[in-house]
Amino acid sequence: MEEEYFISGYCRVLDAGRMVTVETDGSKITDVDCRYGGCPYQPECPVARQIRQLGE
């Protein structure tokens, strides 16, 4: 079952608040509208942390 989530938080790349849309199919993340997976700040990013939790 596909689901869509909206996550808001601070983005260091943009140096601003941001709302990110995440699409999942079960526990598999199928689409993210930010640089998740390739962002240099991903290890400490609060938005990435929430995205990882959706995939668990």
N, C-alpha and C. Protein backbone atom coordinates (compact mmCIF):
# COMPACT_ATOMS: atom_id res chain seq x y z
N MET A 1 0.83 -1.18 0.00
CA MET A 1 0.00 0.00 0.00
C MET A 1 0.88 1.25 0.00
N GLU A 2 0.69 2.10 -0.96
CA GLU A 2 1.48 3.33 -1.06
C GLU A 2 0.94 4.37 -0.08
N GLU A 3 1.88 5.07 0.56
CA GLU A 3 1.52 6.14 1.48
C GLU A 3 2.42 7.34 1.22
N GLU A 4 1.92 8.51 1.57
CA GLU A 4 2.68 9.75 1.40
C GLU A 4 2.77 10.45 2.75
N TYR A 5 3.98 10.91 3.07
CA TYR A 5 4.23 11.59 4.33
C TYR A 5 4.83 12.96 4.05
N PHE A 6 4.58 13.89 4.96
CA PHE A 6 5.15 15.22 4.88
C PHE A 6 5.99 15.45 6.13
N ILE A 7 7.26 15.74 5.93
CA ILE A 7 8.18 15.96 7.04
C ILE A 7 8.72 17.37 6.93
N SER A 8 8.67 18.10 8.03
CA SER A 8 9.23 19.45 8.00
C SER A 8 10.41 19.52 8.95
N GLY A 9 11.37 20.34 8.60
CA GLY A 9 12.55 20.52 9.43
C GLY A 9 13.54 21.44 8.75
N TYR A 10 14.67 21.61 9.39
CA TYR A 10 15.71 22.51 8.89
C TYR A 10 16.60 21.78 7.88
N CYS A 11 16.89 22.45 6.77
CA CYS A 11 17.77 21.91 5.73
C CYS A 11 19.03 22.76 5.69
N ARG A 12 20.18 22.13 5.94
CA ARG A 12 21.45 22.87 5.91
C ARG A 12 21.86 23.25 4.49
N VAL A 13 21.50 22.44 3.51
CA VAL A 13 21.84 22.76 2.12
C VAL A 13 21.17 24.07 1.71
N LEU A 14 19.91 24.22 2.07
CA LEU A 14 19.17 25.44 1.73
C LEU A 14 19.32 26.53 2.79
N ASP A 15 19.81 26.15 3.98
CA ASP A 15 19.90 27.05 5.12
C ASP A 15 18.53 27.66 5.43
N ALA A 16 17.52 26.79 5.47
CA ALA A 16 16.15 27.24 5.71
C ALA A 16 15.28 26.06 6.13
N GLY A 17 14.11 26.38 6.64
CA GLY A 17 13.12 25.35 6.94
C GLY A 17 12.59 24.79 5.63
N ARG A 18 12.16 23.54 5.68
CA ARG A 18 11.75 22.87 4.45
C ARG A 18 10.72 21.81 4.75
N MET A 19 9.75 21.61 3.87
CA MET A 19 8.82 20.50 3.97
C MET A 19 9.17 19.50 2.86
N VAL A 20 9.38 18.25 3.24
CA VAL A 20 9.80 17.20 2.32
C VAL A 20 8.67 16.18 2.19
N THR A 21 8.37 15.78 0.97
CA THR A 21 7.38 14.75 0.70
C THR A 21 8.09 13.42 0.54
N VAL A 22 7.60 12.41 1.24
CA VAL A 22 8.18 11.07 1.19
C VAL A 22 7.08 10.09 0.80
N GLU A 23 7.35 9.28 -0.21
CA GLU A 23 6.40 8.24 -0.61
C GLU A 23 6.98 6.89 -0.25
N THR A 24 6.13 6.02 0.31
CA THR A 24 6.56 4.68 0.69
C THR A 24 5.59 3.65 0.12
N ASP A 25 6.12 2.46 -0.03
CA ASP A 25 5.30 1.30 -0.40
C ASP A 25 5.61 0.25 0.65
N GLY A 26 4.75 0.17 1.65
CA GLY A 26 5.06 -0.66 2.81
C GLY A 26 6.16 0.02 3.60
N SER A 27 7.24 -0.69 3.87
CA SER A 27 8.36 -0.07 4.58
C SER A 27 9.46 0.37 3.61
N LYS A 28 9.22 0.26 2.31
CA LYS A 28 10.20 0.67 1.30
C LYS A 28 9.96 2.12 0.88
N ILE A 29 10.99 2.94 0.97
CA ILE A 29 10.90 4.33 0.53
C ILE A 29 11.03 4.35 -0.98
N THR A 30 10.03 4.91 -1.67
CA THR A 30 10.04 4.91 -3.13
C THR A 30 10.40 6.26 -3.72
N ASP A 31 10.14 7.36 -3.02
CA ASP A 31 10.45 8.69 -3.56
C ASP A 31 10.58 9.70 -2.43
N VAL A 32 11.58 10.56 -2.54
CA VAL A 32 11.81 11.64 -1.58
C VAL A 32 12.15 12.88 -2.38
N ASP A 33 11.52 14.02 -2.09
CA ASP A 33 11.79 15.21 -2.89
C ASP A 33 12.86 16.13 -2.27
N CYS A 34 13.91 15.51 -1.75
CA CYS A 34 15.11 16.25 -1.34
C CYS A 34 16.30 15.40 -1.74
N ARG A 35 17.48 15.76 -1.31
CA ARG A 35 18.70 15.03 -1.72
C ARG A 35 18.98 13.84 -0.82
N TYR A 36 17.97 13.29 -0.19
CA TYR A 36 18.14 12.12 0.68
C TYR A 36 18.84 11.01 -0.09
N GLY A 37 19.87 10.46 0.50
CA GLY A 37 20.66 9.43 -0.16
C GLY A 37 21.93 9.98 -0.78
N GLY A 38 21.99 11.30 -0.98
CA GLY A 38 23.17 11.90 -1.57
C GLY A 38 23.57 13.21 -0.92
N CYS A 39 22.92 13.55 0.17
CA CYS A 39 23.19 14.82 0.84
C CYS A 39 24.41 14.69 1.75
N PRO A 40 25.33 15.65 1.70
CA PRO A 40 26.52 15.57 2.56
C PRO A 40 26.20 15.76 4.05
N TYR A 41 25.05 16.31 4.37
CA TYR A 41 24.67 16.54 5.76
C TYR A 41 23.72 15.48 6.30
N GLN A 42 23.46 14.45 5.53
CA GLN A 42 22.48 13.43 5.90
C GLN A 42 22.70 12.79 7.27
N PRO A 43 23.95 12.50 7.68
CA PRO A 43 24.13 11.86 8.99
C PRO A 43 23.57 12.66 10.17
N GLU A 44 23.61 14.00 10.08
CA GLU A 44 23.11 14.81 11.19
C GLU A 44 21.79 15.52 10.87
N CYS A 45 21.19 15.23 9.74
CA CYS A 45 19.96 15.92 9.31
C CYS A 45 18.73 15.40 10.05
N PRO A 46 17.96 16.30 10.69
CA PRO A 46 16.75 15.85 11.39
C PRO A 46 15.67 15.32 10.43
N VAL A 47 15.61 15.85 9.23
CA VAL A 47 14.64 15.36 8.25
C VAL A 47 15.04 13.95 7.80
N ALA A 48 16.32 13.72 7.52
CA ALA A 48 16.79 12.40 7.12
C ALA A 48 16.54 11.37 8.21
N ARG A 49 16.68 11.77 9.46
CA ARG A 49 16.42 10.86 10.58
C ARG A 49 14.97 10.39 10.54
N GLN A 50 14.05 11.31 10.30
CA GLN A 50 12.63 10.93 10.23
C GLN A 50 12.35 10.06 9.00
N ILE A 51 13.03 10.34 7.89
CA ILE A 51 12.86 9.51 6.69
C ILE A 51 13.35 8.09 6.97
N ARG A 52 14.49 7.95 7.63
CA ARG A 52 15.00 6.62 7.98
C ARG A 52 14.01 5.86 8.85
N GLN A 53 13.38 6.56 9.78
CA GLN A 53 12.40 5.91 10.66
C GLN A 53 11.20 5.38 9.87
N LEU A 54 10.83 6.07 8.79
CA LEU A 54 9.72 5.59 7.97
C LEU A 54 10.08 4.29 7.25
N GLY A 55 11.36 4.12 6.93
CA GLY A 55 11.81 2.93 6.22
C GLY A 55 12.07 1.73 7.12
N GLU A 56 11.93 1.90 8.42
CA GLU A 56 12.18 0.78 9.34
C GLU A 56 10.96 -0.09 9.51
